[in-house]
Amino acid sequence: MPFHTIIKEVVVDTNANYANDDVLFVDSNGNALVELQLPAKDCIIHGGKAMVMNRGNIANQLSSDECALHFFQNNTHAPGGLSQAFGLTAAQIEANGYLGSVQFGSSSISQTNYGFTGDLIYKMTKIGNVGAKVGDTDEVETPYMSHLVLTSSNIGHTVFMVGVIDGISTSPDFVTGDEMRFIFHVEY
């Protein structure tokens, strides 16, 4: 089976006014359900990263925060807008065709692993595994995500994702609206 890397740019709020369970990002048109183009109808997510580009801010924007990406087949019901409460009911989530979730945030990957400085990389894990310790060490385990299959029912193999921030220590301090990207490694 072939593999593919998907890179998706999103827009974040530069006003540092996030609260728990707020929508973290929107697309360039302001839609909280961001369209994600898949290479095929069914894709398995094997891994991924969230990256915050360095735009003059040396702060670790999501240093103690937990964030989740929720995937849907449809965009029938929109959650709240940027920096607004998520706001979907269970019935609306079901109508949108909920596919699954991943988590990221809490701590960034050491930049020395990548040979560059400035940008911050957060690894994705299965939902509920951010900050999970390995034994008695401070190392964070990255559980396999290969059980998350994104299945598109749309022409063009698209699904939709929404990012939600929770467990906020302090509101993220993004300098520019275009500094966040998501990188997904998929098999199809």
N, C-alpha and C. Protein backbone atom coordinates (compact mmCIF):
# COMPACT_ATOMS: atom_id res chain seq x y z
N MET A 1 0.84 -1.17 0.00
CA MET A 1 0.00 0.00 0.00
C MET A 1 0.90 1.25 0.00
N PRO A 2 0.51 2.28 -0.75
CA PRO A 2 1.32 3.50 -0.80
C PRO A 2 1.11 4.38 0.45
N PHE A 3 2.11 5.21 0.67
CA PHE A 3 2.07 6.16 1.78
C PHE A 3 2.07 7.58 1.23
N HIS A 4 1.55 8.50 2.02
CA HIS A 4 1.44 9.89 1.58
C HIS A 4 1.57 10.80 2.79
N THR A 5 2.16 11.96 2.60
CA THR A 5 2.25 12.98 3.64
C THR A 5 1.33 14.13 3.26
N ILE A 6 0.47 14.51 4.18
CA ILE A 6 -0.46 15.63 3.96
C ILE A 6 -0.03 16.77 4.87
N ILE A 7 0.14 17.95 4.32
CA ILE A 7 0.46 19.15 5.10
C ILE A 7 -0.71 20.11 4.96
N LYS A 8 -1.27 20.51 6.09
CA LYS A 8 -2.45 21.40 6.07
C LYS A 8 -2.17 22.64 6.90
N GLU A 9 -2.27 23.80 6.27
CA GLU A 9 -2.10 25.08 6.96
C GLU A 9 -3.45 25.53 7.49
N VAL A 10 -3.46 26.07 8.70
CA VAL A 10 -4.69 26.59 9.31
C VAL A 10 -4.44 28.00 9.83
N VAL A 11 -5.51 28.68 10.22
CA VAL A 11 -5.43 30.04 10.74
C VAL A 11 -5.76 30.02 12.23
N VAL A 12 -4.89 30.63 13.04
CA VAL A 12 -5.09 30.70 14.49
C VAL A 12 -5.37 32.14 14.92
N ASP A 13 -5.82 32.30 16.15
CA ASP A 13 -6.17 33.61 16.70
C ASP A 13 -4.93 34.25 17.31
N THR A 14 -4.64 35.48 16.94
CA THR A 14 -3.48 36.19 17.47
C THR A 14 -3.81 37.05 18.69
N ASN A 15 -5.06 37.01 19.16
CA ASN A 15 -5.46 37.86 20.27
C ASN A 15 -5.33 37.20 21.63
N ALA A 16 -4.82 35.98 21.69
CA ALA A 16 -4.59 35.26 22.95
C ALA A 16 -5.82 35.24 23.86
N ASN A 17 -6.96 34.95 23.28
CA ASN A 17 -8.18 34.92 24.08
C ASN A 17 -8.87 33.56 24.06
N TYR A 18 -8.08 32.49 24.02
CA TYR A 18 -8.64 31.14 24.05
C TYR A 18 -9.06 30.77 25.46
N ALA A 19 -10.10 29.96 25.57
CA ALA A 19 -10.54 29.38 26.83
C ALA A 19 -10.67 27.87 26.61
N ASN A 20 -10.82 27.12 27.70
CA ASN A 20 -10.97 25.67 27.58
C ASN A 20 -12.12 25.31 26.64
N ASP A 21 -11.87 24.32 25.81
CA ASP A 21 -12.85 23.78 24.86
C ASP A 21 -13.24 24.75 23.75
N ASP A 22 -12.34 25.64 23.41
CA ASP A 22 -12.56 26.56 22.30
C ASP A 22 -12.03 25.95 21.00
N VAL A 23 -12.55 26.42 19.88
CA VAL A 23 -12.04 26.05 18.56
C VAL A 23 -10.67 26.70 18.40
N LEU A 24 -9.66 25.89 18.09
CA LEU A 24 -8.27 26.36 18.03
C LEU A 24 -7.93 27.06 16.72
N PHE A 25 -8.52 26.61 15.61
CA PHE A 25 -8.15 27.17 14.30
C PHE A 25 -9.33 27.10 13.34
N VAL A 26 -9.19 27.83 12.24
CA VAL A 26 -10.17 27.81 11.14
C VAL A 26 -9.38 27.73 9.83
N ASP A 27 -10.09 27.57 8.72
CA ASP A 27 -9.40 27.62 7.43
C ASP A 27 -9.30 29.08 6.98
N SER A 28 -8.74 29.30 5.81
CA SER A 28 -8.53 30.68 5.34
C SER A 28 -9.83 31.42 5.06
N ASN A 29 -10.96 30.70 4.99
CA ASN A 29 -12.27 31.33 4.80
C ASN A 29 -13.04 31.50 6.10
N GLY A 30 -12.44 31.12 7.23
CA GLY A 30 -13.09 31.27 8.52
C GLY A 30 -13.94 30.09 8.95
N ASN A 31 -13.87 28.97 8.23
CA ASN A 31 -14.66 27.78 8.57
C ASN A 31 -13.95 26.97 9.64
N ALA A 32 -14.65 26.64 10.72
CA ALA A 32 -14.06 25.87 11.80
C ALA A 32 -13.89 24.40 11.43
N LEU A 33 -14.72 23.88 10.54
CA LEU A 33 -14.52 22.54 10.01
C LEU A 33 -13.64 22.67 8.77
N VAL A 34 -12.37 22.34 8.95
CA VAL A 34 -11.36 22.54 7.91
C VAL A 34 -11.33 21.31 7.00
N GLU A 35 -11.44 21.53 5.71
CA GLU A 35 -11.44 20.44 4.75
C GLU A 35 -10.03 19.87 4.60
N LEU A 36 -9.94 18.54 4.63
CA LEU A 36 -8.67 17.85 4.48
C LEU A 36 -8.77 16.92 3.29
N GLN A 37 -7.92 17.14 2.30
CA GLN A 37 -7.91 16.34 1.08
C GLN A 37 -7.11 15.06 1.30
N LEU A 38 -7.76 13.91 1.15
CA LEU A 38 -7.10 12.62 1.29
C LEU A 38 -6.67 12.11 -0.08
N PRO A 39 -5.62 11.27 -0.14
CA PRO A 39 -5.19 10.73 -1.44
C PRO A 39 -6.10 9.60 -1.95
N ALA A 40 -6.96 9.07 -1.08
CA ALA A 40 -7.88 7.99 -1.46
C ALA A 40 -9.09 8.03 -0.53
N LYS A 41 -10.08 7.21 -0.84
CA LYS A 41 -11.31 7.17 -0.04
C LYS A 41 -11.05 6.76 1.40
N ASP A 42 -10.18 5.78 1.61
CA ASP A 42 -9.85 5.30 2.95
C ASP A 42 -8.36 5.49 3.21
N CYS A 43 -8.04 6.12 4.33
CA CYS A 43 -6.64 6.35 4.71
C CYS A 43 -6.45 6.02 6.18
N ILE A 44 -5.34 5.38 6.48
CA ILE A 44 -4.97 5.08 7.86
C ILE A 44 -3.95 6.13 8.29
N ILE A 45 -4.20 6.80 9.42
CA ILE A 45 -3.22 7.74 9.95
C ILE A 45 -2.21 6.95 10.77
N HIS A 46 -0.95 6.97 10.33
CA HIS A 46 0.11 6.27 11.05
C HIS A 46 0.85 7.20 12.00
N GLY A 47 0.76 8.48 11.79
CA GLY A 47 1.44 9.43 12.65
C GLY A 47 1.21 10.84 12.17
N GLY A 48 1.72 11.77 12.94
CA GLY A 48 1.56 13.15 12.55
C GLY A 48 2.17 14.10 13.55
N LYS A 49 2.20 15.36 13.16
CA LYS A 49 2.77 16.41 13.99
C LYS A 49 1.96 17.68 13.80
N ALA A 50 1.96 18.49 14.82
CA ALA A 50 1.46 19.86 14.71
C ALA A 50 2.70 20.74 14.78
N MET A 51 2.81 21.71 13.89
CA MET A 51 3.99 22.57 13.87
C MET A 51 3.55 24.01 13.99
N VAL A 52 4.22 24.74 14.90
CA VAL A 52 4.00 26.18 15.03
C VAL A 52 5.26 26.85 14.52
N MET A 53 5.12 27.55 13.40
CA MET A 53 6.25 28.22 12.77
C MET A 53 6.69 29.40 13.62
N ASN A 54 7.98 29.64 13.67
CA ASN A 54 8.51 30.78 14.41
C ASN A 54 8.32 32.04 13.59
N ARG A 55 7.45 32.91 14.06
CA ARG A 55 7.19 34.18 13.38
C ARG A 55 7.59 35.34 14.29
N GLY A 56 8.70 35.19 15.01
CA GLY A 56 9.17 36.25 15.87
C GLY A 56 8.79 36.07 17.32
N ASN A 57 8.09 35.00 17.64
CA ASN A 57 7.69 34.74 19.01
C ASN A 57 8.45 33.51 19.49
N ILE A 58 9.25 33.66 20.53
CA ILE A 58 10.04 32.53 21.01
C ILE A 58 9.30 31.73 22.06
N ALA A 59 8.08 32.12 22.39
CA ALA A 59 7.30 31.40 23.41
C ALA A 59 6.87 30.04 22.88
N ASN A 60 6.72 29.10 23.80
CA ASN A 60 6.20 27.78 23.47
C ASN A 60 4.68 27.89 23.56
N GLN A 61 4.02 28.21 22.45
CA GLN A 61 2.62 28.59 22.44
C GLN A 61 1.68 27.59 23.10
N LEU A 62 1.97 26.32 22.98
CA LEU A 62 1.08 25.30 23.54
C LEU A 62 1.80 24.51 24.62
N SER A 63 2.64 25.18 25.41
CA SER A 63 3.56 24.52 26.33
C SER A 63 2.90 23.58 27.33
N SER A 64 1.79 23.96 27.88
CA SER A 64 1.13 23.11 28.88
C SER A 64 -0.33 22.86 28.52
N ASP A 65 -0.64 23.00 27.26
CA ASP A 65 -2.02 22.86 26.81
C ASP A 65 -2.21 21.52 26.11
N GLU A 66 -3.43 21.05 26.09
CA GLU A 66 -3.77 19.84 25.36
C GLU A 66 -4.74 20.22 24.26
N CYS A 67 -4.52 19.67 23.10
CA CYS A 67 -5.36 19.98 21.96
C CYS A 67 -5.80 18.68 21.30
N ALA A 68 -6.96 18.70 20.70
CA ALA A 68 -7.47 17.52 20.01
C ALA A 68 -7.92 17.90 18.61
N LEU A 69 -7.73 16.97 17.68
CA LEU A 69 -8.29 17.10 16.34
C LEU A 69 -9.39 16.06 16.22
N HIS A 70 -10.57 16.49 15.83
CA HIS A 70 -11.70 15.60 15.64
C HIS A 70 -12.01 15.58 14.13
N PHE A 71 -12.17 14.37 13.59
CA PHE A 71 -12.40 14.19 12.16
C PHE A 71 -13.84 13.79 11.89
N PHE A 72 -14.39 14.35 10.79
CA PHE A 72 -15.78 14.10 10.41
C PHE A 72 -15.87 13.85 8.91
N GLN A 73 -16.90 13.11 8.48
CA GLN A 73 -17.15 12.90 7.06
C GLN A 73 -17.84 14.10 6.42
N ASN A 74 -18.66 14.81 7.18
CA ASN A 74 -19.47 15.90 6.63
C ASN A 74 -19.26 17.19 7.43
N ASN A 75 -19.70 18.27 6.85
CA ASN A 75 -19.68 19.56 7.55
C ASN A 75 -21.09 20.12 7.69
N THR A 76 -22.05 19.24 7.97
CA THR A 76 -23.46 19.61 8.08
C THR A 76 -23.68 20.64 9.19
N HIS A 77 -23.09 20.40 10.37
CA HIS A 77 -23.24 21.31 11.51
C HIS A 77 -21.86 21.85 11.88
N ALA A 78 -21.73 23.17 11.89
CA ALA A 78 -20.45 23.79 12.21
C ALA A 78 -20.32 24.02 13.71
N PRO A 79 -19.12 23.79 14.25
CA PRO A 79 -18.89 24.15 15.65
C PRO A 79 -18.75 25.67 15.75
N GLY A 80 -18.42 26.17 16.93
CA GLY A 80 -18.22 27.61 17.08
C GLY A 80 -17.09 28.10 16.20
N GLY A 81 -16.96 29.40 16.09
CA GLY A 81 -15.90 29.99 15.29
C GLY A 81 -14.58 30.03 16.05
N LEU A 82 -13.60 30.68 15.48
CA LEU A 82 -12.27 30.79 16.06
C LEU A 82 -12.33 31.38 17.47
N SER A 83 -11.72 30.70 18.42
CA SER A 83 -11.69 31.11 19.84
C SER A 83 -13.07 31.14 20.47
N GLN A 84 -14.01 30.39 19.92
CA GLN A 84 -15.35 30.27 20.49
C GLN A 84 -15.57 28.84 20.95
N ALA A 85 -16.52 28.64 21.82
CA ALA A 85 -16.81 27.31 22.35
C ALA A 85 -17.13 26.33 21.22
N PHE A 86 -16.67 25.09 21.37
CA PHE A 86 -16.86 24.04 20.36
C PHE A 86 -18.33 23.89 20.00
N GLY A 87 -19.20 23.67 20.94
CA GLY A 87 -20.64 23.82 20.79
C GLY A 87 -21.42 22.84 19.95
N LEU A 88 -20.90 21.68 19.59
CA LEU A 88 -21.72 20.70 18.88
C LEU A 88 -22.36 19.74 19.87
N THR A 89 -23.62 19.41 19.62
CA THR A 89 -24.31 18.42 20.45
C THR A 89 -23.95 17.02 19.96
N ALA A 90 -24.29 16.01 20.75
CA ALA A 90 -24.03 14.63 20.35
C ALA A 90 -24.75 14.29 19.04
N ALA A 91 -25.97 14.77 18.88
CA ALA A 91 -26.72 14.51 17.65
C ALA A 91 -26.05 15.17 16.44
N GLN A 92 -25.52 16.38 16.63
CA GLN A 92 -24.84 17.07 15.53
C GLN A 92 -23.52 16.39 15.18
N ILE A 93 -22.82 15.90 16.20
CA ILE A 93 -21.58 15.16 15.96
C ILE A 93 -21.88 13.91 15.15
N GLU A 94 -22.95 13.21 15.50
CA GLU A 94 -23.35 12.01 14.77
C GLU A 94 -23.74 12.35 13.33
N ALA A 95 -24.48 13.44 13.15
CA ALA A 95 -24.91 13.85 11.80
C ALA A 95 -23.71 14.24 10.93
N ASN A 96 -22.67 14.75 11.55
CA ASN A 96 -21.45 15.11 10.81
C ASN A 96 -20.62 13.88 10.45
N GLY A 97 -20.97 12.71 10.98
CA GLY A 97 -20.23 11.49 10.66
C GLY A 97 -18.88 11.43 11.35
N TYR A 98 -18.89 11.47 12.67
CA TYR A 98 -17.65 11.44 13.46
C TYR A 98 -16.81 10.22 13.09
N LEU A 99 -15.52 10.45 12.80
CA LEU A 99 -14.61 9.38 12.41
C LEU A 99 -13.62 8.99 13.49
N GLY A 100 -13.21 9.94 14.32
CA GLY A 100 -12.21 9.67 15.35
C GLY A 100 -11.44 10.93 15.70
N SER A 101 -10.50 10.78 16.63
CA SER A 101 -9.75 11.94 17.12
C SER A 101 -8.31 11.56 17.41
N VAL A 102 -7.45 12.57 17.40
CA VAL A 102 -6.07 12.46 17.87
C VAL A 102 -5.80 13.64 18.79
N GLN A 103 -4.72 13.55 19.55
CA GLN A 103 -4.36 14.62 20.46
C GLN A 103 -2.94 15.08 20.19
N PHE A 104 -2.65 16.33 20.53
CA PHE A 104 -1.30 16.87 20.46
C PHE A 104 -1.19 17.99 21.47
N GLY A 105 0.03 18.46 21.67
CA GLY A 105 0.27 19.56 22.60
C GLY A 105 0.94 19.07 23.85
N SER A 106 0.91 19.85 24.89
CA SER A 106 1.46 19.55 26.20
C SER A 106 2.97 19.69 26.23
N SER A 107 3.68 19.10 25.30
CA SER A 107 5.13 19.28 25.26
C SER A 107 5.59 19.14 23.82
N SER A 108 6.62 19.89 23.48
CA SER A 108 7.10 19.86 22.11
C SER A 108 8.27 18.88 21.99
N ILE A 109 8.51 18.43 20.77
CA ILE A 109 9.63 17.55 20.47
C ILE A 109 10.89 18.40 20.42
N SER A 110 11.98 17.90 21.00
CA SER A 110 13.24 18.64 20.99
C SER A 110 13.65 19.00 19.57
N GLN A 111 13.99 20.27 19.37
CA GLN A 111 14.36 20.73 18.04
C GLN A 111 15.67 20.12 17.58
N THR A 112 16.52 19.68 18.50
CA THR A 112 17.78 19.06 18.10
C THR A 112 17.53 17.76 17.34
N ASN A 113 16.35 17.15 17.53
CA ASN A 113 16.00 15.95 16.76
C ASN A 113 15.83 16.25 15.28
N TYR A 114 15.53 17.50 14.95
CA TYR A 114 15.27 17.87 13.57
C TYR A 114 16.37 18.72 12.95
N GLY A 115 17.32 19.18 13.75
CA GLY A 115 18.44 19.93 13.22
C GLY A 115 18.13 21.37 12.87
N PHE A 116 17.09 21.94 13.41
CA PHE A 116 16.77 23.34 13.19
C PHE A 116 16.23 23.94 14.47
N THR A 117 16.18 25.25 14.51
CA THR A 117 15.67 25.91 15.70
C THR A 117 14.58 26.89 15.29
N GLY A 118 13.77 27.25 16.26
CA GLY A 118 12.74 28.27 16.02
C GLY A 118 11.34 27.72 15.96
N ASP A 119 11.09 26.75 15.08
CA ASP A 119 9.75 26.18 14.97
C ASP A 119 9.52 25.18 16.10
N LEU A 120 8.28 25.03 16.51
CA LEU A 120 7.92 24.08 17.56
C LEU A 120 7.11 22.94 16.96
N ILE A 121 7.50 21.72 17.29
CA ILE A 121 6.85 20.52 16.76
C ILE A 121 6.19 19.78 17.91
N TYR A 122 4.91 19.46 17.77
CA TYR A 122 4.17 18.69 18.77
C TYR A 122 3.74 17.38 18.13
N LYS A 123 4.05 16.25 18.76
CA LYS A 123 3.67 14.97 18.16
C LYS A 123 2.21 14.65 18.46
N MET A 124 1.62 13.91 17.55
CA MET A 124 0.24 13.48 17.72
C MET A 124 0.22 12.10 18.36
N THR A 125 -0.77 11.89 19.19
CA THR A 125 -0.96 10.58 19.82
C THR A 125 -2.44 10.22 19.75
N LYS A 126 -2.73 8.98 20.14
CA LYS A 126 -4.13 8.60 20.26
C LYS A 126 -4.80 9.51 21.27
N ILE A 127 -6.05 9.72 21.12
CA ILE A 127 -6.79 10.59 22.02
C ILE A 127 -6.65 10.07 23.45
N GLY A 128 -6.37 10.96 24.38
CA GLY A 128 -6.22 10.59 25.78
C GLY A 128 -4.81 10.21 26.19
N ASN A 129 -3.82 10.30 25.28
CA ASN A 129 -2.46 9.87 25.60
C ASN A 129 -1.46 11.01 25.71
N VAL A 130 -1.87 12.26 25.63
CA VAL A 130 -0.92 13.36 25.77
C VAL A 130 -0.36 13.33 27.19
N GLY A 131 0.94 13.37 27.29
CA GLY A 131 1.59 13.40 28.59
C GLY A 131 1.70 12.06 29.28
N ALA A 132 1.32 10.96 28.61
CA ALA A 132 1.44 9.63 29.21
C ALA A 132 2.91 9.30 29.42
N LYS A 133 3.29 8.95 30.63
CA LYS A 133 4.69 8.68 30.97
C LYS A 133 5.06 7.24 30.66
N VAL A 134 6.32 7.01 30.35
CA VAL A 134 6.85 5.68 30.13
C VAL A 134 7.57 5.27 31.41
N GLY A 135 7.00 4.35 32.16
CA GLY A 135 7.60 3.93 33.42
C GLY A 135 7.74 5.10 34.38
N ASP A 136 8.91 5.24 34.97
CA ASP A 136 9.16 6.33 35.92
C ASP A 136 9.94 7.48 35.30
N THR A 137 10.06 7.49 33.99
CA THR A 137 10.85 8.53 33.34
C THR A 137 9.95 9.66 32.88
N ASP A 138 10.58 10.72 32.41
CA ASP A 138 9.83 11.86 31.87
C ASP A 138 9.60 11.72 30.37
N GLU A 139 10.07 10.64 29.77
CA GLU A 139 9.86 10.43 28.34
C GLU A 139 8.38 10.17 28.10
N VAL A 140 7.88 10.70 27.02
CA VAL A 140 6.47 10.53 26.68
C VAL A 140 6.33 9.49 25.59
N GLU A 141 5.52 8.49 25.84
CA GLU A 141 5.30 7.42 24.87
C GLU A 141 4.39 7.90 23.76
N THR A 142 4.69 7.48 22.55
CA THR A 142 3.83 7.78 21.42
C THR A 142 3.15 6.49 20.98
N PRO A 143 1.93 6.24 21.42
CA PRO A 143 1.24 5.01 21.02
C PRO A 143 0.96 5.01 19.51
N TYR A 144 0.91 3.83 18.94
CA TYR A 144 0.58 3.72 17.53
C TYR A 144 -0.80 4.29 17.26
N MET A 145 -0.93 4.99 16.15
CA MET A 145 -2.22 5.56 15.79
C MET A 145 -2.84 4.81 14.63
N SER A 146 -2.33 3.66 14.27
CA SER A 146 -2.74 2.96 13.05
C SER A 146 -4.15 2.41 13.08
N HIS A 147 -4.87 2.61 14.14
CA HIS A 147 -6.25 2.14 14.18
C HIS A 147 -7.23 3.21 13.72
N LEU A 148 -6.73 4.42 13.48
CA LEU A 148 -7.62 5.50 13.04
C LEU A 148 -7.68 5.52 11.52
N VAL A 149 -8.82 5.15 11.00
CA VAL A 149 -9.03 5.14 9.55
C VAL A 149 -9.98 6.29 9.21
N LEU A 150 -9.55 7.14 8.31
CA LEU A 150 -10.40 8.21 7.82
C LEU A 150 -11.05 7.72 6.53
N THR A 151 -12.36 7.70 6.50
CA THR A 151 -13.10 7.24 5.34
C THR A 151 -13.94 8.40 4.81
N SER A 152 -13.70 8.75 3.57
CA SER A 152 -14.44 9.85 2.95
C SER A 152 -15.64 9.32 2.20
N SER A 153 -16.75 10.00 2.34
CA SER A 153 -17.95 9.70 1.56
C SER A 153 -18.20 10.82 0.55
N ASN A 154 -17.20 11.68 0.37
CA ASN A 154 -17.36 12.86 -0.50
C ASN A 154 -16.61 12.68 -1.81
N ILE A 155 -17.09 13.34 -2.85
CA ILE A 155 -16.38 13.38 -4.12
C ILE A 155 -15.05 14.09 -3.87
N GLY A 156 -13.97 13.54 -4.35
CA GLY A 156 -12.67 14.16 -4.16
C GLY A 156 -11.96 13.69 -2.90
N HIS A 157 -12.55 12.74 -2.18
CA HIS A 157 -11.91 12.14 -0.99
C HIS A 157 -11.58 13.18 0.08
N THR A 158 -12.55 13.97 0.49
CA THR A 158 -12.32 14.96 1.54
C THR A 158 -13.00 14.53 2.83
N VAL A 159 -12.37 14.91 3.94
CA VAL A 159 -12.97 14.82 5.27
C VAL A 159 -12.78 16.18 5.91
N PHE A 160 -13.31 16.35 7.11
CA PHE A 160 -13.23 17.63 7.77
C PHE A 160 -12.65 17.44 9.17
N MET A 161 -11.86 18.40 9.61
CA MET A 161 -11.29 18.33 10.95
C MET A 161 -11.53 19.64 11.68
N VAL A 162 -11.65 19.52 13.00
CA VAL A 162 -11.77 20.70 13.85
C VAL A 162 -10.79 20.51 15.00
N GLY A 163 -10.12 21.58 15.36
CA GLY A 163 -9.18 21.54 16.49
C GLY A 163 -9.80 22.19 17.71
N VAL A 164 -9.65 21.54 18.86
CA VAL A 164 -10.19 22.05 20.12
C VAL A 164 -9.07 22.10 21.13
N ILE A 165 -8.98 23.20 21.87
CA ILE A 165 -7.95 23.34 22.89
C ILE A 165 -8.59 23.20 24.26
N ASP A 166 -7.91 22.46 25.14
CA ASP A 166 -8.40 22.33 26.52
C ASP A 166 -7.20 22.16 27.45
N GLY A 167 -7.46 22.14 28.73
CA GLY A 167 -6.37 22.05 29.69
C GLY A 167 -5.43 23.24 29.60
N ILE A 168 -5.96 24.42 29.35
CA ILE A 168 -5.13 25.61 29.10
C ILE A 168 -4.44 26.07 30.37
N SER A 169 -3.12 26.29 30.26
CA SER A 169 -2.39 26.90 31.36
C SER A 169 -2.43 28.42 31.20
N THR A 170 -2.04 28.87 30.04
CA THR A 170 -2.21 30.27 29.63
C THR A 170 -2.62 30.23 28.17
N SER A 171 -3.34 31.22 27.72
CA SER A 171 -3.79 31.23 26.34
C SER A 171 -2.59 31.30 25.41
N PRO A 172 -2.58 30.50 24.34
CA PRO A 172 -1.47 30.54 23.39
C PRO A 172 -1.26 31.94 22.84
N ASP A 173 0.00 32.26 22.58
CA ASP A 173 0.38 33.59 22.11
C ASP A 173 0.91 33.47 20.69
N PHE A 174 0.01 33.41 19.71
CA PHE A 174 0.42 33.32 18.33
C PHE A 174 0.68 34.72 17.79
N VAL A 175 1.78 34.89 17.05
CA VAL A 175 2.15 36.20 16.52
C VAL A 175 1.40 36.51 15.23
N THR A 176 1.34 35.51 14.34
CA THR A 176 0.61 35.70 13.09
C THR A 176 -0.42 34.59 12.95
N GLY A 177 -1.45 34.84 12.21
CA GLY A 177 -2.53 33.88 12.06
C GLY A 177 -2.17 32.65 11.26
N ASP A 178 -1.09 32.73 10.46
CA ASP A 178 -0.76 31.62 9.56
C ASP A 178 0.42 30.78 10.02
N GLU A 179 0.69 30.74 11.31
CA GLU A 179 1.90 30.05 11.76
C GLU A 179 1.72 28.60 12.16
N MET A 180 0.53 28.03 12.01
CA MET A 180 0.31 26.64 12.41
C MET A 180 0.05 25.74 11.21
N ARG A 181 0.68 24.56 11.24
CA ARG A 181 0.51 23.55 10.20
C ARG A 181 0.30 22.20 10.86
N PHE A 182 -0.36 21.30 10.15
CA PHE A 182 -0.49 19.91 10.58
C PHE A 182 0.12 19.02 9.51
N ILE A 183 0.87 18.03 9.93
CA ILE A 183 1.51 17.09 9.03
C ILE A 183 0.99 15.70 9.39
N PHE A 184 0.37 15.04 8.43
CA PHE A 184 -0.19 13.71 8.63
C PHE A 184 0.54 12.71 7.74
N HIS A 185 0.88 11.54 8.30
CA HIS A 185 1.47 10.46 7.53
C HIS A 185 0.41 9.38 7.39
N VAL A 186 -0.05 9.16 6.16
CA VAL A 186 -1.16 8.24 5.94
C VAL A 186 -0.77 7.13 4.97
N GLU A 187 -1.48 6.03 5.10
CA GLU A 187 -1.38 4.90 4.18
C GLU A 187 -2.73 4.75 3.51
N TYR A 188 -2.72 4.44 2.23
CA TYR A 188 -4.00 4.28 1.52
C TYR A 188 -3.94 3.14 0.52
